[in-house]
Structure formats: C-alpha cells, structure tokens
PDB file of N, CA and C in Angstrom:
ATOM      1  N   MET A   1      33.133   2.100  75.133  1.00  0.00           N
ATOM      2  CA  MET A   1      32.927   2.357  73.745  1.00  0.00           C
ATOM      3  C   MET A   1      33.651   1.402  73.006  1.00  0.00           C
ATOM      4  N   THR A   2      32.495   1.139  71.359  1.00  0.00           N
ATOM      5  CA  THR A   2      32.751  -0.136  70.512  1.00  0.00           C
ATOM      6  C   THR A   2      33.826   0.770  69.149  1.00  0.00           C
ATOM      7  N   THR A   3      34.759   0.408  68.777  1.00  0.00           N
ATOM      8  CA  THR A   3      35.695   1.082  67.885  1.00  0.00           C
ATOM      9  C   THR A   3      35.346   0.125  66.896  1.00  0.00           C
ATOM     10  N   HIS A   4      35.332   0.307  65.563  1.00  0.00           N
ATOM     11  CA  HIS A   4      35.079  -0.786  64.489  1.00  0.00           C
ATOM     12  C   HIS A   4      36.039  -0.157  63.589  1.00  0.00           C
ATOM     13  N   THR A   5      36.799  -0.906  62.927  1.00  0.00           N
ATOM     14  CA  THR A   5      37.908  -0.839  62.123  1.00  0.00           C
ATOM     15  C   THR A   5      37.413  -1.250  60.503  1.00  0.00           C
ATOM     16  N   HIS A   6      37.830  -0.577  59.600  1.00  0.00           N
ATOM     17  CA  HIS A   6      37.326  -1.168  58.464  1.00  0.00           C
ATOM     18  C   HIS A   6      38.499  -1.239  57.343  1.00  0.00           C
ATOM     19  N   THR A   7      38.877  -2.614  56.917  1.00  0.00           N
ATOM     20  CA  THR A   7      40.144  -2.686  56.188  1.00  0.00           C
ATOM     21  C   THR A   7      39.234  -2.837  55.036  1.00  0.00           C
ATOM     22  N   LEU A   8      40.280  -1.834  53.551  1.00  0.00           N
ATOM     23  CA  LEU A   8      40.105  -2.020  52.481  1.00  0.00           C
ATOM     24  C   LEU A   8      40.705  -3.280  52.082  1.00  0.00           C
ATOM     25  N   GLN A   9      39.835  -3.974  51.097  1.00  0.00           N
ATOM     26  CA  GLN A   9      40.399  -4.600  50.387  1.00  0.00           C
ATOM     27  C   GLN A   9      40.222  -4.600  48.789  1.00  0.00           C
ATOM     28  N   THR A  10      41.472  -5.185  48.338  1.00  0.00           N
ATOM     29  CA  THR A  10      41.451  -4.536  46.609  1.00  0.00           C
ATOM     30  C   THR A  10      40.709  -5.897  45.781  1.00  0.00           C
ATOM     31  N   PRO A  11      39.885  -6.199  44.846  1.00  0.00           N
ATOM     32  CA  PRO A  11      39.653  -7.541  44.439  1.00  0.00           C
ATOM     33  C   PRO A  11      40.745  -7.795  43.732  1.00  0.00           C
ATOM     34  N   CYS A  12      41.162  -9.332  43.746  1.00  0.00           N
ATOM     35  CA  CYS A  12      42.465  -9.079  42.944  1.00  0.00           C
ATOM     36  C   CYS A  12      41.760 -10.651  41.868  1.00  0.00           C
ATOM     37  N   SER A  13      42.698 -10.914  41.090  1.00  0.00           N
ATOM     38  CA  SER A  13      42.028 -11.624  39.576  1.00  0.00           C
ATOM     39  C   SER A  13      42.250 -13.221  39.625  1.00  0.00           C
ATOM     40  N   HIS A  14      42.764 -13.840  40.840  1.00  0.00           N
ATOM     41  CA  HIS A  14      43.113 -14.978  41.643  1.00  0.00           C
ATOM     42  C   HIS A  14      41.351 -15.390  41.952  1.00  0.00           C
ATOM     43  N   GLY A  15      40.363 -15.934  41.408  1.00  0.00           N
ATOM     44  CA  GLY A  15      39.593 -16.751  41.503  1.00  0.00           C
ATOM     45  C   GLY A  15      38.464 -15.948  42.710  1.00  0.00           C
ATOM     46  N   GLY A  16      38.224 -14.586  42.872  1.00  0.00           N
ATOM     47  CA  GLY A  16      37.442 -13.743  43.233  1.00  0.00           C
ATOM     48  C   GLY A  16      38.633 -13.507  44.666  1.00  0.00           C
ATOM     49  N   ARG A  17      39.569 -13.826  44.774  1.00  0.00           N
ATOM     50  CA  ARG A  17      40.302 -13.393  46.538  1.00  0.00           C
ATOM     51  C   ARG A  17      40.441 -12.113  46.239  1.00  0.00           C
ATOM     52  N   THR A  18      40.272 -11.472  48.071  1.00  0.00           N
ATOM     53  CA  THR A  18      41.036 -10.649  47.881  1.00  0.00           C
ATOM     54  C   THR A  18      42.453  -9.724  48.588  1.00  0.00           C
ATOM     55  N   ARG A  19      43.280  -8.914  48.512  1.00  0.00           N
ATOM     56  CA  ARG A  19      44.571  -8.974  48.684  1.00  0.00           C
ATOM     57  C   ARG A  19      44.293  -7.722  50.029  1.00  0.00           C
ATOM     58  N   ARG A  20      44.766  -7.713  50.928  1.00  0.00           N
ATOM     59  CA  ARG A  20      44.932  -7.370  52.397  1.00  0.00           C
ATOM     60  C   ARG A  20      45.371  -5.873  51.812  1.00  0.00           C
ATOM     61  N   SER A  21      45.127  -5.229  52.519  1.00  0.00           N
ATOM     62  CA  SER A  21      45.758  -3.467  52.692  1.00  0.00           C
ATOM     63  C   SER A  21      47.022  -3.528  53.307  1.00  0.00           C
ATOM     64  N   SER A  22      47.982  -3.023  53.016  1.00  0.00           N
ATOM     65  CA  SER A  22      49.089  -2.645  53.532  1.00  0.00           C
ATOM     66  C   SER A  22      49.063  -2.166  55.186  1.00  0.00           C
ATOM     67  N   ALA A  23      47.902  -1.692  55.889  1.00  0.00           N
ATOM     68  CA  ALA A  23      47.566  -1.213  56.574  1.00  0.00           C
ATOM     69  C   ALA A  23      46.960  -2.220  57.450  1.00  0.00           C
ATOM     70  N   ASP A  24      46.263  -3.023  57.172  1.00  0.00           N
ATOM     71  CA  ASP A  24      46.005  -3.992  57.971  1.00  0.00           C
ATOM     72  C   ASP A  24      47.059  -5.221  57.730  1.00  0.00           C
ATOM     73  N   THR A  25      48.359  -5.326  57.083  1.00  0.00           N
ATOM     74  CA  THR A  25      49.263  -6.093  57.245  1.00  0.00           C
ATOM     75  C   THR A  25      49.756  -6.234  58.694  1.00  0.00           C
ATOM     76  N   PHE A  26      50.275  -4.215  58.442  1.00  0.00           N
ATOM     77  CA  PHE A  26      50.803  -4.113  59.288  1.00  0.00           C
ATOM     78  C   PHE A  26      50.209  -3.799  60.347  1.00  0.00           C
ATOM     79  N   GLY A  27      49.078  -3.622  61.012  1.00  0.00           N
ATOM     80  CA  GLY A  27      48.547  -4.081  62.263  1.00  0.00           C
ATOM     81  C   GLY A  27      48.887  -5.639  62.473  1.00  0.00           C
ATOM     82  N   ARG A  28      48.833  -6.211  61.532  1.00  0.00           N
ATOM     83  CA  ARG A  28      48.731  -7.824  62.157  1.00  0.00           C
ATOM     84  C   ARG A  28      50.197  -8.206  62.528  1.00  0.00           C
ATOM     85  N   LEU A  29      51.004  -7.650  62.066  1.00  0.00           N
ATOM     86  CA  LEU A  29      52.144  -7.579  62.282  1.00  0.00           C
ATOM     87  C   LEU A  29      52.901  -7.023  64.085  1.00  0.00           C
ATOM     88  N   LEU A  30      51.727  -5.393  63.794  1.00  0.00           N
ATOM     89  CA  LEU A  30      52.001  -4.920  65.442  1.00  0.00           C
ATOM     90  C   LEU A  30      51.859  -6.244  66.096  1.00  0.00           C
ATOM     91  N   ARG A  31      49.895  -6.425  65.938  1.00  0.00           N
ATOM     92  CA  ARG A  31      50.080  -7.633  66.861  1.00  0.00           C
ATOM     93  C   ARG A  31      50.613  -8.382  67.382  1.00  0.00           C
ATOM     94  N   THR A  32      51.070  -9.330  66.045  1.00  0.00           N
ATOM     95  CA  THR A  32      52.138 -10.307  66.619  1.00  0.00           C
ATOM     96  C   THR A  32      53.251 -10.185  67.446  1.00  0.00           C
ATOM     97  N   LEU A  33      54.044  -9.228  67.124  1.00  0.00           N
ATOM     98  CA  LEU A  33      54.926  -8.723  67.986  1.00  0.00           C
ATOM     99  C   LEU A  33      54.468  -7.939  68.997  1.00  0.00           C
ATOM    100  N   ALA A  34      53.334  -7.664  69.576  1.00  0.00           N
ATOM    101  CA  ALA A  34      53.031  -7.813  70.901  1.00  0.00           C
ATOM    102  C   ALA A  34      52.832  -8.928  71.558  1.00  0.00           C
ATOM    103  N   LEU A  35      51.907  -9.996  70.872  1.00  0.00           N
ATOM    104  CA  LEU A  35      52.134 -10.942  71.427  1.00  0.00           C
ATOM    105  C   LEU A  35      52.966 -11.659  71.989  1.00  0.00           C
ATOM    106  N   TRP A  36      53.954 -11.855  71.054  1.00  0.00           N
ATOM    107  CA  TRP A  36      55.581 -12.273  71.444  1.00  0.00           C
ATOM    108  C   TRP A  36      55.815 -11.942  72.793  1.00  0.00           C
ATOM    109  N   HIS A  37      55.992 -10.342  72.552  1.00  0.00           N
ATOM    110  CA  HIS A  37      56.686  -9.764  73.889  1.00  0.00           C
ATOM    111  C   HIS A  37      55.985  -9.834  75.010  1.00  0.00           C
ATOM    112  N   GLU A  38      54.802 -10.205  74.728  1.00  0.00           N
ATOM    113  CA  GLU A  38      53.696 -10.362  76.170  1.00  0.00           C
ATOM    114  C   GLU A  38      54.356 -12.102  77.134  1.00  0.00           C
ATOM    115  N   ARG A  39      54.169 -13.035  75.445  1.00  0.00           N
ATOM    116  CA  ARG A  39      54.793 -13.877  75.525  1.00  0.00           C
ATOM    117  C   ARG A  39      55.723 -14.077  76.693  1.00  0.00           C
ATOM    118  N   ALA A  40      56.942 -13.928  76.217  1.00  0.00           N
ATOM    119  CA  ALA A  40      58.385 -14.223  76.886  1.00  0.00           C
ATOM    120  C   ALA A  40      58.392 -13.311  77.921  1.00  0.00           C
ATOM    121  N   ARG A  41      57.672 -12.231  78.093  1.00  0.00           N
ATOM    122  CA  ARG A  41      57.436 -11.480  79.988  1.00  0.00           C
ATOM    123  C   ARG A  41      56.752 -12.680  80.542  1.00  0.00           C
ATOM    124  N   GLN A  42      56.199 -12.743  80.104  1.00  0.00           N
ATOM    125  CA  GLN A  42      55.110 -13.770  81.017  1.00  0.00           C
ATOM    126  C   GLN A  42      56.138 -15.257  81.328  1.00  0.00           C
ATOM    127  N   ARG A  43      56.809 -15.898  80.377  1.00  0.00           N
ATOM    128  CA  ARG A  43      57.678 -16.611  80.517  1.00  0.00           C
ATOM    129  C   ARG A  43      58.850 -16.538  81.441  1.00  0.00           C
ATOM    130  N   ARG A  44      59.514 -15.191  81.270  1.00  0.00           N
ATOM    131  CA  ARG A  44      60.437 -15.011  82.188  1.00  0.00           C
ATOM    132  C   ARG A  44      59.924 -14.661  83.750  1.00  0.00           C
ATOM    133  N   ALA A  45      58.537 -14.507  83.878  1.00  0.00           N
ATOM    134  CA  ALA A  45      58.227 -13.978  84.992  1.00  0.00           C
ATOM    135  C   ALA A  45      57.682 -15.604  86.166  1.00  0.00           C
ATOM    136  N   LEU A  46      57.022 -16.372  84.988  1.00  0.00           N
ATOM    137  CA  LEU A  46      56.983 -17.760  85.247  1.00  0.00           C
ATOM    138  C   LEU A  46      58.436 -18.373  86.132  1.00  0.00           C
ATOM    139  N   ALA A  47      59.486 -18.388  84.969  1.00  0.00           N
ATOM    140  CA  ALA A  47      60.923 -19.050  86.229  1.00  0.00           C
ATOM    141  C   ALA A  47      61.399 -18.318  87.287  1.00  0.00           C
ATOM    142  N   VAL A  48      61.157 -17.250  87.468  1.00  0.00           N
ATOM    143  CA  VAL A  48      61.523 -16.926  88.757  1.00  0.00           C
ATOM    144  C   VAL A  48      60.535 -16.987  89.942  1.00  0.00           C
ATOM    145  N   LEU A  49      59.359 -17.229  89.850  1.00  0.00           N
ATOM    146  CA  LEU A  49      58.056 -17.500  90.520  1.00  0.00           C
ATOM    147  C   LEU A  49      58.458 -18.576  91.909  1.00  0.00           C
ATOM    148  N   PRO A  50      58.768 -18.605  93.121  1.00  0.00           N
ATOM    149  CA  PRO A  50      58.764 -19.509  93.998  1.00  0.00           C
ATOM    150  C   PRO A  50      57.802 -21.114  94.001  1.00  0.00           C
ATOM    151  N   ASP A  51      58.321 -21.930  94.295  1.00  0.00           N
ATOM    152  CA  ASP A  51      57.715 -23.077  94.340  1.00  0.00           C
ATOM    153  C   ASP A  51      56.662 -23.028  95.384  1.00  0.00           C
ATOM    154  N   GLU A  52      56.399 -21.982  96.060  1.00  0.00           N
ATOM    155  CA  GLU A  52      55.307 -22.561  96.934  1.00  0.00           C
ATOM    156  C   GLU A  52      54.192 -21.301  96.075  1.00  0.00           C
ATOM    157  N   LEU A  53      54.469 -20.218  95.185  1.00  0.00           N
ATOM    158  CA  LEU A  53      53.470 -19.722  94.439  1.00  0.00           C
ATOM    159  C   LEU A  53      52.824 -20.868  93.517  1.00  0.00           C
ATOM    160  N   LEU A  54      54.200 -21.555  92.386  1.00  0.00           N
ATOM    161  CA  LEU A  54      53.987 -22.470  91.770  1.00  0.00           C
ATOM    162  C   LEU A  54      53.342 -22.994  91.837  1.00  0.00           C
ATOM    163  N   LYS A  55      53.040 -23.761  93.343  1.00  0.00           N
ATOM    164  CA  LYS A  55      52.247 -24.757  94.272  1.00  0.00           C
ATOM    165  C   LYS A  55      50.788 -24.743  94.309  1.00  0.00           C
ATOM    166  N   ASP A  56      50.789 -23.020  94.329  1.00  0.00           N
ATOM    167  CA  ASP A  56      49.490 -22.487  94.384  1.00  0.00           C
ATOM    168  C   ASP A  56      48.617 -22.205  92.860  1.00  0.00           C
ATOM    169  N   ILE A  57      49.893 -22.434  92.178  1.00  0.00           N
ATOM    170  CA  ILE A  57      48.691 -22.065  90.580  1.00  0.00           C
ATOM    171  C   ILE A  57      48.629 -23.407  90.005  1.00  0.00           C
ATOM    172  N   GLY A  58      49.267 -24.623  90.808  1.00  0.00           N
ATOM    173  CA  GLY A  58      49.066 -25.899  90.321  1.00  0.00           C
ATOM    174  C   GLY A  58      50.108 -26.567  89.270  1.00  0.00           C
ATOM    175  N   VAL A  59      51.147 -25.849  89.009  1.00  0.00           N
ATOM    176  CA  VAL A  59      52.339 -25.872  88.078  1.00  0.00           C
ATOM    177  C   VAL A  59      53.728 -26.653  89.241  1.00  0.00           C
ATOM    178  N   SER A  60      54.101 -27.265  88.580  1.00  0.00           N
ATOM    179  CA  SER A  60      54.971 -27.803  88.864  1.00  0.00           C
ATOM    180  C   SER A  60      56.718 -27.201  88.649  1.00  0.00           C
ATOM    181  N   ARG A  61      57.977 -27.246  88.869  1.00  0.00           N
ATOM    182  CA  ARG A  61      59.045 -26.495  88.456  1.00  0.00           C
ATOM    183  C   ARG A  61      59.424 -26.972  87.298  1.00  0.00           C
ATOM    184  N   ALA A  62      59.511 -28.396  87.079  1.00  0.00           N
ATOM    185  CA  ALA A  62      60.071 -28.938  85.838  1.00  0.00           C
ATOM    186  C   ALA A  62      59.042 -28.142  84.689  1.00  0.00           C
ATOM    187  N   ASP A  63      57.428 -28.214  85.283  1.00  0.00           N
ATOM    188  CA  ASP A  63      56.488 -27.548  84.007  1.00  0.00           C
ATOM    189  C   ASP A  63      56.779 -26.161  83.688  1.00  0.00           C
ATOM    190  N   ALA A  64      57.681 -25.332  84.763  1.00  0.00           N
ATOM    191  CA  ALA A  64      57.383 -23.555  84.307  1.00  0.00           C
ATOM    192  C   ALA A  64      58.483 -23.434  83.952  1.00  0.00           C
ATOM    193  N   MET A  65      59.808 -24.838  84.244  1.00  0.00           N
ATOM    194  CA  MET A  65      61.137 -24.263  83.272  1.00  0.00           C
ATOM    195  C   MET A  65      60.574 -24.579  82.184  1.00  0.00           C
ATOM    196  N   ARG A  66      60.316 -25.469  81.804  1.00  0.00           N
ATOM    197  CA  ARG A  66      60.090 -26.124  80.606  1.00  0.00           C
ATOM    198  C   ARG A  66      59.508 -25.350  79.437  1.00  0.00           C
ATOM    199  N   GLU A  67      58.179 -24.453  80.241  1.00  0.00           N
ATOM    200  CA  GLU A  67      57.128 -23.157  79.630  1.00  0.00           C
ATOM    201  C   GLU A  67      58.311 -22.487  79.330  1.00  0.00           C
ATOM    202  N   ALA A  68      58.858 -21.871  80.228  1.00  0.00           N
ATOM    203  CA  ALA A  68      59.943 -20.717  80.402  1.00  0.00           C
ATOM    204  C   ALA A  68      60.958 -20.795  79.097  1.00  0.00           C
ATOM    205  N   GLY A  69      61.064 -22.203  78.825  1.00  0.00           N
ATOM    206  CA  GLY A  69      62.710 -22.805  78.096  1.00  0.00           C
ATOM    207  C   GLY A  69      61.524 -22.239  76.397  1.00  0.00           C
ATOM    208  N   LYS A  70      61.204 -22.456  76.653  1.00  0.00           N
ATOM    209  CA  LYS A  70      60.544 -22.201  75.097  1.00  0.00           C
ATOM    210  C   LYS A  70      60.559 -21.073  74.317  1.00  0.00           C
ATOM    211  N   PRO A  71      60.606 -20.854  72.823  1.00  0.00           N
ATOM    212  CA  PRO A  71      60.786 -19.606  72.316  1.00  0.00           C
ATOM    213  C   PRO A  71      59.470 -18.293  72.202  1.00  0.00           C
ATOM    214  N   PHE A  72      59.723 -17.573  72.163  1.00  0.00           N
ATOM    215  CA  PHE A  72      58.400 -16.581  72.114  1.00  0.00           C
ATOM    216  C   PHE A  72      57.539 -16.524  71.104  1.00  0.00           C
ATOM    217  N   TRP A  73      58.490 -17.301  70.557  1.00  0.00           N
ATOM    218  CA  TRP A  73      57.158 -17.729  69.000  1.00  0.00           C
ATOM    219  C   TRP A  73      56.393 -19.297  68.892  1.00  0.00           C
ATOM    220  N   LYS A  74      56.623 -19.646  70.098  1.00  0.00           N
ATOM    221  CA  LYS A  74      55.541 -21.217  70.102  1.00  0.00           C
ATOM    222  C   LYS A  74      54.803 -20.872  71.156  1.00  0.00           C
ATOM    223  N   ALA A  75      53.532 -21.547  70.849  1.00  0.00           N
ATOM    224  CA  ALA A  75      52.625 -21.017  71.739  1.00  0.00           C
ATOM    225  C   ALA A  75      52.706 -22.160  72.875  1.00  0.00           C
TER     226      ALA A  75
END
C-alpha cells in the first residue's frame, strides 16, 4: 500500500521560494531523531560483536571501535 503525503507550502516574498509547514518541519525532525537513535544503536551493537563475527563481515576490531566511537550525529 502506497501512502502519499502532501506538504502545505506557503509562498514567500523572497524570490518565489516556499516556506515549509510546521508539520513538515516536525516530520523532518522526527525522522532525524529516529536516524540518530538507530545509528547509536547500531554503533553500540558493533562495539560488542566478537572478533569472529567482525571477521565474517570484513571489519577489523580497530575499524569497529573507530565507528563505534563516532558521535550519533555523524555519518
């Protein structure tokens, strides 16, 4: 089932640009928070994987720890 969302945009007097609705802005904020939460969860999981599983996925312990040490907001 496909769901279509429509955003309400209000014309601005700034060269024809449009202003995002507060609902659209709130939706973007929620998606960003969800992405950050998932990224943090995955990095915590990566940090505790045993060396054998890291080897299976082709990641060294050093690479895993480097990735796990990144802040949640960095890709």
